[in-house]
C-alpha atoms as a PDB file:
ATOM      1  CA  MET A   1      27.508  33.851  10.452  1.00  0.00           C
ATOM      2  CA  PHE A   2      25.817  30.348  10.186  1.00  0.00           C
ATOM      3  CA  THR A   3      25.760  30.192   6.405  1.00  0.00           C
ATOM      4  CA  LEU A   4      23.447  27.158   6.120  1.00  0.00           C
ATOM      5  CA  LYS A   5      19.656  27.614   5.633  1.00  0.00           C
ATOM      6  CA  LEU A   6      18.016  24.409   6.842  1.00  0.00           C
ATOM      7  CA  LYS A   7      14.709  23.729   5.130  1.00  0.00           C
ATOM      8  CA  LYS A   8      11.866  21.838   6.410  1.00  0.00           C
ATOM      9  CA  LYS A   9      12.171  19.289   3.594  1.00  0.00           C
ATOM     10  CA  ASP A  10      15.674  18.661   4.178  1.00  0.00           C
ATOM     11  CA  LYS A  11      16.528  15.220   5.775  1.00  0.00           C
ATOM     12  CA  ILE A  12      18.532  15.743   9.111  1.00  0.00           C
ATOM     13  CA  PHE A  13      20.243  13.532  11.463  1.00  0.00           C
ATOM     14  CA  ILE A  14      21.056  14.570  14.926  1.00  0.00           C
ATOM     15  CA  THR A  15      23.536  12.945  17.385  1.00  0.00           C
ATOM     16  CA  SER A  16      24.746  13.975  20.759  1.00  0.00           C
ATOM     17  CA  LYS A  17      26.027  12.590  24.050  1.00  0.00           C
ATOM     18  CA  ASN A  18      27.645  15.555  26.014  1.00  0.00           C
ATOM     19  CA  ALA A  19      25.385  17.661  28.034  1.00  0.00           C
ATOM     20  CA  GLY A  20      27.284  21.008  26.871  1.00  0.00           C
ATOM     21  CA  SER A  21      26.591  20.702  23.246  1.00  0.00           C
ATOM     22  CA  GLY A  22      23.412  18.555  23.982  1.00  0.00           C
ATOM     23  CA  ASN A  23      21.884  21.773  25.563  1.00  0.00           C
ATOM     24  CA  ILE A  24      22.885  24.038  22.609  1.00  0.00           C
ATOM     25  CA  ILE A  25      21.715  21.804  20.003  1.00  0.00           C
ATOM     26  CA  ALA A  26      18.355  21.171  21.717  1.00  0.00           C
ATOM     27  CA  SER A  27      17.654  24.781  22.067  1.00  0.00           C
ATOM     28  CA  PHE A  28      18.601  25.395  18.530  1.00  0.00           C
ATOM     29  CA  VAL A  29      16.407  22.519  17.414  1.00  0.00           C
ATOM     30  CA  LYS A  30      13.558  23.940  19.442  1.00  0.00           C
ATOM     31  CA  ARG A  31      13.796  27.537  18.147  1.00  0.00           C
ATOM     32  CA  LYS A  32      14.082  26.507  14.625  1.00  0.00           C
ATOM     33  CA  LYS A  33      11.369  23.717  14.772  1.00  0.00           C
ATOM     34  CA  ILE A  34      13.732  21.435  13.193  1.00  0.00           C
ATOM     35  CA  LYS A  35      12.412  17.815  12.309  1.00  0.00           C
ATOM     36  CA  ALA A  36      15.100  15.106  12.494  1.00  0.00           C
ATOM     37  CA  ASP A  37      15.954  11.653  13.192  1.00  0.00           C
ATOM     38  CA  TYR A  38      18.206  11.050  16.109  1.00  0.00           C
ATOM     39  CA  HIS A  39      20.638   8.836  17.976  1.00  0.00           C
ATOM     40  CA  LEU A  40      21.073  10.418  21.372  1.00  0.00           C
ATOM     41  CA  LEU A  41      22.819   8.949  24.641  1.00  0.00           C
ATOM     42  CA  GLU A  42      22.503  10.153  28.144  1.00  0.00           C
ATOM     43  CA  PRO A  43      22.834  12.980  29.282  1.00  0.00           C
ATOM     44  CA  SER A  44      21.843  14.436  25.964  1.00  0.00           C
ATOM     45  CA  LEU A  45      18.724  12.423  25.699  1.00  0.00           C
ATOM     46  CA  LYS A  46      17.261  13.603  28.979  1.00  0.00           C
ATOM     47  CA  ILE A  47      17.867  17.047  27.914  1.00  0.00           C
ATOM     48  CA  PHE A  48      16.116  16.717  24.607  1.00  0.00           C
ATOM     49  CA  LYS A  49      13.202  15.106  26.465  1.00  0.00           C
ATOM     50  CA  ASP A  50      12.988  17.949  29.147  1.00  0.00           C
ATOM     51  CA  LYS A  51      12.516  20.268  26.178  1.00  0.00           C
ATOM     52  CA  LYS A  52       9.662  18.162  24.935  1.00  0.00           C
ATOM     53  CA  ILE A  53      11.404  17.612  21.474  1.00  0.00           C
ATOM     54  CA  ASN A  54       9.874  14.795  19.598  1.00  0.00           C
ATOM     55  CA  ILE A  55      12.540  12.264  19.200  1.00  0.00           C
ATOM     56  CA  LYS A  56      12.339   9.839  16.433  1.00  0.00           C
ATOM     57  CA  HIS A  57      15.537   7.354  16.833  1.00  0.00           C
ATOM     58  CA  ASN A  58      17.234   5.676  13.959  1.00  0.00           C
ATOM     59  CA  LYS A  59      19.952   3.842  15.544  1.00  0.00           C
ATOM     60  CA  LYS A  60      20.506   0.856  12.909  1.00  0.00           C
ATOM     61  CA  ASN A  61      20.125   2.475   9.653  1.00  0.00           C
ATOM     62  CA  ILE A  62      22.115   5.688  10.267  1.00  0.00           C
ATOM     63  CA  PHE A  63      22.334   6.966   6.726  1.00  0.00           C
ATOM     64  CA  SER A  64      19.953   4.826   4.803  1.00  0.00           C
ATOM     65  CA  ASN A  65      17.502   7.572   4.095  1.00  0.00           C
ATOM     66  CA  ALA A  66      19.490  10.010   2.169  1.00  0.00           C
ATOM     67  CA  TYR A  67      20.059  12.520   4.780  1.00  0.00           C
ATOM     68  CA  LYS A  68      21.320  15.961   3.623  1.00  0.00           C
ATOM     69  CA  PHE A  69      22.767  17.116   7.115  1.00  0.00           C
ATOM     70  CA  LEU A  70      24.172  15.638  10.177  1.00  0.00           C
ATOM     71  CA  ILE A  71      24.299  17.693  13.280  1.00  0.00           C
ATOM     72  CA  THR A  72      26.590  16.614  16.095  1.00  0.00           C
ATOM     73  CA  GLY A  73      27.776  17.389  19.569  1.00  0.00           C
ATOM     74  CA  ASN A  74      31.096  16.870  20.631  1.00  0.00           C
ATOM     75  CA  SER A  75      33.299  16.153  23.854  1.00  0.00           C
ATOM     76  CA  HIS A  76      37.019  15.424  24.667  1.00  0.00           C
ATOM     77  CA  GLU A  77      36.027  12.575  26.781  1.00  0.00           C
ATOM     78  CA  ASN A  78      34.039  10.511  24.453  1.00  0.00           C
ATOM     79  CA  LYS A  79      34.068   9.737  20.663  1.00  0.00           C
ATOM     80  CA  PHE A  80      30.431   8.943  20.126  1.00  0.00           C
ATOM     81  CA  GLU A  81      29.722  11.305  17.472  1.00  0.00           C
ATOM     82  CA  LEU A  82      33.080  10.586  15.389  1.00  0.00           C
ATOM     83  CA  ARG A  83      31.918   7.649  13.728  1.00  0.00           C
ATOM     84  CA  TYR A  84      28.860   9.518  12.420  1.00  0.00           C
ATOM     85  CA  ILE A  85      31.110  12.257  11.044  1.00  0.00           C
ATOM     86  CA  GLU A  86      33.351   9.690   9.453  1.00  0.00           C
ATOM     87  CA  LYS A  87      30.386   8.161   7.748  1.00  0.00           C
ATOM     88  CA  ALA A  88      28.866  11.331   6.658  1.00  0.00           C
ATOM     89  CA  ARG A  89      32.117  12.159   4.893  1.00  0.00           C
ATOM     90  CA  LYS A  90      32.144   8.847   3.079  1.00  0.00           C
ATOM     91  CA  LEU A  91      28.511   9.459   1.949  1.00  0.00           C
ATOM     92  CA  ASN A  92      28.819  13.170   1.112  1.00  0.00           C
ATOM     93  CA  VAL A  93      26.393  14.220   3.788  1.00  0.00           C
ATOM     94  CA  TYR A  94      27.329  17.655   5.195  1.00  0.00           C
ATOM     95  CA  SER A  95      28.273  17.342   8.736  1.00  0.00           C
ATOM     96  CA  ILE A  96      27.815  20.411  11.306  1.00  0.00           C
ATOM     97  CA  SER A  97      29.296  20.215  14.983  1.00  0.00           C
ATOM     98  CA  PHE A  98      28.408  22.553  17.784  1.00  0.00           C
ATOM     99  CA  LEU A  99      31.078  23.542  20.224  1.00  0.00           C
ATOM    100  CA  ASP A 100      30.156  24.301  23.816  1.00  0.00           C
ATOM    101  CA  HIS A 101      33.292  25.257  25.577  1.00  0.00           C
ATOM    102  CA  TRP A 102      36.765  26.922  25.337  1.00  0.00           C
ATOM    103  CA  GLU A 103      39.189  24.295  25.262  1.00  0.00           C
ATOM    104  CA  LYS A 104      40.951  21.233  23.486  1.00  0.00           C
ATOM    105  CA  TYR A 105      38.873  21.644  20.203  1.00  0.00           C
ATOM    106  CA  LYS A 106      41.133  19.585  18.183  1.00  0.00           C
ATOM    107  CA  LYS A 107      41.278  16.825  20.781  1.00  0.00           C
ATOM    108  CA  ARG A 108      37.373  16.570  20.646  1.00  0.00           C
ATOM    109  CA  PHE A 109      37.724  15.315  17.115  1.00  0.00           C
ATOM    110  CA  ARG A 110      40.624  12.962  17.499  1.00  0.00           C
ATOM    111  CA  TYR A 111      40.642   9.355  17.796  1.00  0.00           C
ATOM    112  CA  LYS A 112      44.108   7.775  18.415  1.00  0.00           C
ATOM    113  CA  THR A 113      46.178   9.715  15.855  1.00  0.00           C
ATOM    114  CA  LYS A 114      43.400  10.539  13.267  1.00  0.00           C
ATOM    115  CA  LEU A 115      41.194  13.686  13.143  1.00  0.00           C
ATOM    116  CA  PHE A 116      37.591  13.281  12.140  1.00  0.00           C
ATOM    117  CA  LEU A 117      36.620  16.707  11.227  1.00  0.00           C
ATOM    118  CA  PRO A 118      33.099  17.880  10.181  1.00  0.00           C
ATOM    119  CA  ASN A 119      32.455  20.217   7.212  1.00  0.00           C
ATOM    120  CA  GLU A 120      31.360  22.910   9.557  1.00  0.00           C
ATOM    121  CA  ILE A 121      32.071  23.875  13.226  1.00  0.00           C
ATOM    122  CA  VAL A 122      29.582  26.173  14.990  1.00  0.00           C
ATOM    123  CA  THR A 123      30.589  28.415  17.831  1.00  0.00           C
ATOM    124  CA  GLY A 124      28.504  30.440  20.178  1.00  0.00           C
ATOM    125  CA  ASP A 125      30.401  33.486  21.189  1.00  0.00           C
ATOM    126  CA  LYS A 126      33.514  35.601  19.830  1.00  0.00           C
ATOM    127  CA  LYS A 127      36.197  33.978  22.040  1.00  0.00           C
ATOM    128  CA  SER A 128      35.347  30.299  20.988  1.00  0.00           C
ATOM    129  CA  PHE A 129      35.113  31.460  17.374  1.00  0.00           C
ATOM    130  CA  GLU A 130      38.546  32.953  17.386  1.00  0.00           C
ATOM    131  CA  LEU A 131      39.979  30.054  19.153  1.00  0.00           C
ATOM    132  CA  ALA A 132      38.550  27.496  16.646  1.00  0.00           C
ATOM    133  CA  LYS A 133      39.798  29.704  13.697  1.00  0.00           C
ATOM    134  CA  LYS A 134      43.097  29.514  15.077  1.00  0.00           C
ATOM    135  CA  GLU A 135      43.168  25.947  16.036  1.00  0.00           C
ATOM    136  CA  PHE A 136      41.642  24.677  12.625  1.00  0.00           C
ATOM    137  CA  LYS A 137      43.531  27.267  10.348  1.00  0.00           C
ATOM    138  CA  ASN A 138      45.373  24.608   8.588  1.00  0.00           C
ATOM    139  CA  HIS A 139      42.237  22.486   7.948  1.00  0.00           C
ATOM    140  CA  LYS A 140      39.616  22.793   5.373  1.00  0.00           C
ATOM    141  CA  LEU A 141      36.367  23.462   7.266  1.00  0.00           C
ATOM    142  CA  LYS A 142      34.092  26.221   7.890  1.00  0.00           C
ATOM    143  CA  ILE A 143      34.138  27.989  11.158  1.00  0.00           C
ATOM    144  CA  SER A 144      30.721  29.704  11.887  1.00  0.00           C
ATOM    145  CA  LEU A 145      29.429  31.972  14.702  1.00  0.00           C
ATOM    146  CA  ILE A 146      25.747  31.998  15.826  1.00  0.00           C
ATOM    147  CA  SER A 147      23.937  33.230  18.743  1.00  0.00           C
ATOM    148  CA  ASN A 148      23.907  30.623  21.479  1.00  0.00           C
ATOM    149  CA  ASP A 149      20.225  29.715  21.839  1.00  0.00           C
ATOM    150  CA  TYR A 150      20.845  27.932  25.273  1.00  0.00           C
ATOM    151  CA  LEU A 151      22.251  30.981  26.877  1.00  0.00           C
ATOM    152  CA  ASN A 152      19.881  33.375  25.188  1.00  0.00           C
ATOM    153  CA  GLN A 153      17.078  31.650  27.079  1.00  0.00           C
ATOM    154  CA  PHE A 154      18.360  32.914  30.368  1.00  0.00           C
ATOM    155  CA  SER A 155      18.851  36.751  29.207  1.00  0.00           C
ATOM    156  CA  LYS A 156      15.298  37.704  30.437  1.00  0.00           C
ATOM    157  CA  LEU A 157      14.940  36.035  33.693  1.00  0.00           C
ATOM    158  CA  LYS A 158      13.128  37.289  36.783  1.00  0.00           C
ATOM    159  CA  ILE A 159      15.977  36.951  39.378  1.00  0.00           C
ATOM    160  CA  ASN A 160      15.090  36.054  42.938  1.00  0.00           C
ATOM    161  CA  LYS A 161      16.577  38.863  45.001  1.00  0.00           C
ATOM    162  CA  ASN A 162      16.404  36.676  48.247  1.00  0.00           C
ATOM    163  CA  LYS A 163      18.969  33.988  47.555  1.00  0.00           C
ATOM    164  CA  LYS A 164      20.334  31.845  50.274  1.00  0.00           C
ATOM    165  CA  SER A 165      23.954  32.727  51.377  1.00  0.00           C
ATOM    166  CA  ASP A 166      25.069  29.226  50.885  1.00  0.00           C
ATOM    167  CA  LEU A 167      27.874  27.778  48.573  1.00  0.00           C
ATOM    168  CA  VAL A 168      27.089  25.470  45.673  1.00  0.00           C
ATOM    169  CA  ILE A 169      30.117  23.516  44.167  1.00  0.00           C
ATOM    170  CA  LEU A 170      29.700  22.330  40.586  1.00  0.00           C
ATOM    171  CA  SER A 171      31.353  18.948  39.694  1.00  0.00           C
ATOM    172  CA  SER A 172      33.047  18.918  36.146  1.00  0.00           C
ATOM    173  CA  ASN A 173      33.506  15.087  36.211  1.00  0.00           C
ATOM    174  CA  VAL A 174      37.258  15.468  35.530  1.00  0.00           C
ATOM    175  CA  ASP A 175      37.377  11.798  36.439  1.00  0.00           C
ATOM    176  CA  SER A 176      36.063  10.885  33.011  1.00  0.00           C
ATOM    177  CA  LEU A 177      38.884  12.771  31.291  1.00  0.00           C
ATOM    178  CA  LYS A 178      41.534  10.075  32.411  1.00  0.00           C
ATOM    179  CA  ILE A 179      43.994  12.767  33.589  1.00  0.00           C
ATOM    180  CA  LYS A 180      45.832  12.847  36.802  1.00  0.00           C
ATOM    181  CA  LEU A 181      43.395  15.430  38.256  1.00  0.00           C
ATOM    182  CA  LYS A 182      40.444  13.837  40.289  1.00  0.00           C
ATOM    183  CA  ASP A 183      37.032  15.322  41.181  1.00  0.00           C
ATOM    184  CA  GLU A 184      37.532  14.840  45.043  1.00  0.00           C
ATOM    185  CA  LYS A 185      40.892  16.784  44.829  1.00  0.00           C
ATOM    186  CA  VAL A 186      39.066  19.606  43.054  1.00  0.00           C
ATOM    187  CA  LEU A 187      36.272  19.654  45.699  1.00  0.00           C
ATOM    188  CA  ASN A 188      38.898  19.735  48.558  1.00  0.00           C
ATOM    189  CA  LEU A 189      40.907  22.530  46.793  1.00  0.00           C
ATOM    190  CA  ILE A 190      37.795  24.753  46.190  1.00  0.00           C
ATOM    191  CA  ILE A 191      36.619  24.457  49.840  1.00  0.00           C
ATOM    192  CA  LYS A 192      40.133  24.998  51.413  1.00  0.00           C
ATOM    193  CA  LYS A 193      40.717  28.038  49.230  1.00  0.00           C
ATOM    194  CA  MET A 194      37.371  29.376  50.128  1.00  0.00           C
ATOM    195  CA  GLN A 195      37.725  28.888  53.948  1.00  0.00           C
ATOM    196  CA  LYS A 196      38.328  32.350  54.889  1.00  0.00           C
ATOM    197  CA  PHE A 197      35.366  33.586  52.677  1.00  0.00           C
ATOM    198  CA  LEU A 198      33.100  30.915  54.149  1.00  0.00           C
ATOM    199  CA  LYS A 199      33.998  32.024  57.726  1.00  0.00           C
ATOM    200  CA  LYS A 200      33.786  35.753  56.875  1.00  0.00           C
ATOM    201  CA  ASN A 201      30.222  35.407  55.247  1.00  0.00           C
ATOM    202  CA  ASN A 202      29.074  32.811  58.104  1.00  0.00           C
ATOM    203  CA  ILE A 203      28.216  30.234  55.372  1.00  0.00           C
ATOM    204  CA  LYS A 204      27.148  27.241  57.178  1.00  0.00           C
ATOM    205  CA  LYS A 205      26.389  24.955  54.389  1.00  0.00           C
ATOM    206  CA  ILE A 206      28.108  23.659  51.287  1.00  0.00           C
ATOM    207  CA  TYR A 207      26.224  21.800  48.525  1.00  0.00           C
ATOM    208  CA  ILE A 208      27.746  19.660  45.951  1.00  0.00           C
ATOM    209  CA  LYS A 209      25.972  19.316  42.671  1.00  0.00           C
ATOM    210  CA  ASN A 210      26.850  16.516  40.439  1.00  0.00           C
ATOM    211  CA  HIS A 211      27.648  16.838  36.714  1.00  0.00           C
ATOM    212  CA  PRO A 212      24.893  15.393  34.445  1.00  0.00           C
ATOM    213  CA  SER A 213      27.194  12.526  33.478  1.00  0.00           C
ATOM    214  CA  GLU A 214      27.688  11.409  37.000  1.00  0.00           C
ATOM    215  CA  LYS A 215      25.908   9.018  39.223  1.00  0.00           C
ATOM    216  CA  LYS A 216      23.879  10.718  41.951  1.00  0.00           C
ATOM    217  CA  ASN A 217      25.741   9.006  44.859  1.00  0.00           C
ATOM    218  CA  LYS A 218      29.149   9.684  43.418  1.00  0.00           C
ATOM    219  CA  PHE A 219      30.053  12.064  46.259  1.00  0.00           C
ATOM    220  CA  LYS A 220      28.129  10.329  49.230  1.00  0.00           C
ATOM    221  CA  LYS A 221      31.181   9.075  50.743  1.00  0.00           C
ATOM    222  CA  PHE A 222      33.191  12.469  50.344  1.00  0.00           C
ATOM    223  CA  CYS A 223      30.327  14.268  52.084  1.00  0.00           C
ATOM    224  CA  ASN A 224      30.153  11.586  54.833  1.00  0.00           C
ATOM    225  CA  ASN A 225      34.066  11.725  55.412  1.00  0.00           C
ATOM    226  CA  ASN A 226      34.217  15.705  55.314  1.00  0.00           C
ATOM    227  CA  ARG A 227      30.967  16.489  57.090  1.00  0.00           C
ATOM    228  CA  ASN A 228      32.625  18.036  60.173  1.00  0.00           C
ATOM    229  CA  LYS A 229      36.025  18.682  58.543  1.00  0.00           C
ATOM    230  CA  PHE A 230      35.520  22.252  57.449  1.00  0.00           C
ATOM    231  CA  HIS A 231      33.628  25.444  58.770  1.00  0.00           C
ATOM    232  CA  SER A 232      30.542  24.652  56.858  1.00  0.00           C
ATOM    233  CA  LYS A 233      28.548  21.397  56.492  1.00  0.00           C
ATOM    234  CA  ILE A 234      28.602  19.493  53.249  1.00  0.00           C
ATOM    235  CA  GLU A 235      25.584  17.914  51.612  1.00  0.00           C
ATOM    236  CA  ILE A 236      24.665  16.876  48.076  1.00  0.00           C
ATOM    237  CA  ILE A 237      21.927  18.882  46.092  1.00  0.00           C
ATOM    238  CA  ASN A 238      20.139  17.133  43.188  1.00  0.00           C
ATOM    239  CA  ASP A 239      18.010  19.995  42.016  1.00  0.00           C
ATOM    240  CA  HIS A 240      17.946  21.384  38.486  1.00  0.00           C
ATOM    241  CA  LEU A 241      20.723  23.861  37.744  1.00  0.00           C
ATOM    242  CA  GLU A 242      18.137  26.806  37.097  1.00  0.00           C
ATOM    243  CA  ASN A 243      16.437  26.215  40.409  1.00  0.00           C
ATOM    244  CA  ILE A 244      19.970  26.116  42.218  1.00  0.00           C
ATOM    245  CA  PHE A 245      21.103  29.257  40.565  1.00  0.00           C
ATOM    246  CA  ASN A 246      17.945  31.101  41.392  1.00  0.00           C
ATOM    247  CA  ASN A 247      18.121  30.144  44.899  1.00  0.00           C
ATOM    248  CA  TYR A 248      21.658  30.181  45.917  1.00  0.00           C
ATOM    249  CA  LYS A 249      23.917  33.197  45.982  1.00  0.00           C
ATOM    250  CA  TYR A 250      27.567  31.749  45.700  1.00  0.00           C
ATOM    251  CA  ILE A 251      28.473  29.219  42.956  1.00  0.00           C
ATOM    252  CA  ALA A 252      31.905  27.617  42.531  1.00  0.00           C
ATOM    253  CA  GLY A 253      33.511  25.182  40.299  1.00  0.00           C
ATOM    254  CA  TYR A 254      36.355  24.230  37.767  1.00  0.00           C
ATOM    255  CA  ASP A 255      36.206  25.286  34.384  1.00  0.00           C
ATOM    256  CA  THR A 256      32.770  24.147  33.878  1.00  0.00           C
ATOM    257  CA  MET A 257      30.254  25.839  31.480  1.00  0.00           C
ATOM    258  CA  ALA A 258      27.505  25.731  34.257  1.00  0.00           C
ATOM    259  CA  LEU A 259      29.413  28.717  35.731  1.00  0.00           C
ATOM    260  CA  VAL A 260      28.389  30.939  32.630  1.00  0.00           C
ATOM    261  CA  ILE A 261      24.647  29.919  33.333  1.00  0.00           C
ATOM    262  CA  ALA A 262      25.107  30.799  37.027  1.00  0.00           C
ATOM    263  CA  LYS A 263      26.346  34.337  35.956  1.00  0.00           C
ATOM    264  CA  LYS A 264      23.291  34.840  33.961  1.00  0.00           C
ATOM    265  CA  PHE A 265      21.329  34.323  37.146  1.00  0.00           C
ATOM    266  CA  LYS A 266      23.450  36.961  38.787  1.00  0.00           C
ATOM    267  CA  CYS A 267      25.065  34.521  41.187  1.00  0.00           C
ATOM    268  CA  ASN A 268      28.692  35.300  42.577  1.00  0.00           C
ATOM    269  CA  THR A 269      30.830  32.828  40.608  1.00  0.00           C
ATOM    270  CA  PHE A 270      34.159  31.373  41.845  1.00  0.00           C
ATOM    271  CA  ASN A 271      36.525  29.282  39.468  1.00  0.00           C
ATOM    272  CA  LEU A 272      39.235  27.171  40.667  1.00  0.00           C
ATOM    273  CA  LYS A 273      42.860  27.814  39.406  1.00  0.00           C
ATOM    274  CA  ILE A 274      45.114  24.979  39.458  1.00  0.00           C
ATOM    275  CA  LYS A 275      48.870  25.308  39.392  1.00  0.00           C
ATOM    276  CA  GLY A 276      50.294  24.301  36.005  1.00  0.00           C
ATOM    277  CA  ARG A 277      46.876  24.325  34.282  1.00  0.00           C
ATOM    278  CA  LYS A 278      45.667  27.267  32.475  1.00  0.00           C
ATOM    279  CA  SER A 279      41.982  28.220  33.030  1.00  0.00           C
ATOM    280  CA  VAL A 280      39.775  28.584  29.918  1.00  0.00           C
ATOM    281  CA  MET A 281      36.811  30.261  31.291  1.00  0.00           C
ATOM    282  CA  PRO A 282      36.239  33.825  29.988  1.00  0.00           C
ATOM    283  CA  LYS A 283      36.790  36.404  32.687  1.00  0.00           C
ATOM    284  CA  ILE A 284      33.280  38.074  32.016  1.00  0.00           C
ATOM    285  CA  TYR A 285      31.647  35.087  33.629  1.00  0.00           C
ATOM    286  CA  ILE A 286      33.707  34.833  36.628  1.00  0.00           C
ATOM    287  CA  ASP A 287      33.766  36.994  39.686  1.00  0.00           C
ATOM    288  CA  LYS A 288      36.754  35.570  41.334  1.00  0.00           C
ATOM    289  CA  PHE A 289      39.579  33.041  40.319  1.00  0.00           C
ATOM    290  CA  ILE A 290      40.550  31.190  43.427  1.00  0.00           C
END
């Protein structure tokens, strides 16, 4: 349970950069009608604006107005929120961080050799709750489980029954993680592993959807170089995820939260398995691991 009861009179500061936790926090703020001061970076900033949330930025005097609560996102590729968590600890401001995935929880709060942990971590499903409890069992912080407002909004959808039988591949922007694995390799692996499926189902087009943190032209060269290499033509798609999932039948990716949303739209979901890397995606959201 999420034990805190946020009151209208409470002064709250919210900071977020990552798209995943940004979506969850924005949906939570919208449902709870929370009024707060903010410091948001892209792509979180666009997410809040798209939800028409009134954003009052306070970048300079972060904790000059006696805030009672700090709410943050998190990400294992950027440490934007950690300085806020550290400052909150020093000023005795209660900090709450929302998790949006199922991996590397401790790494999300680590900078170099030091951990910057909030007072409370909020999870959105039983698996992430149990993982967080296990990973932080030796640390003094509260682990809460609440309903995921972002995913809940897709529960009562009118699903399009006449979806196009094309494949959309979702980028995870693994390039930003500073690991040996690269996005172009991920794309190649997905396409190669799905060649039999593409031919069997006569799928003529493959679309690549950029991660919110990527530049729109990131995969232009990849598409041009591989346009006639595979059974299907390759193009970039720039539409909103919800429109994509409501119009296309087959969705593939590599350990991306967007596959969970695709499953809510009753898409057929494919998650790439890479040798030596354990997939963190809950099986209930994936139709086939490739």
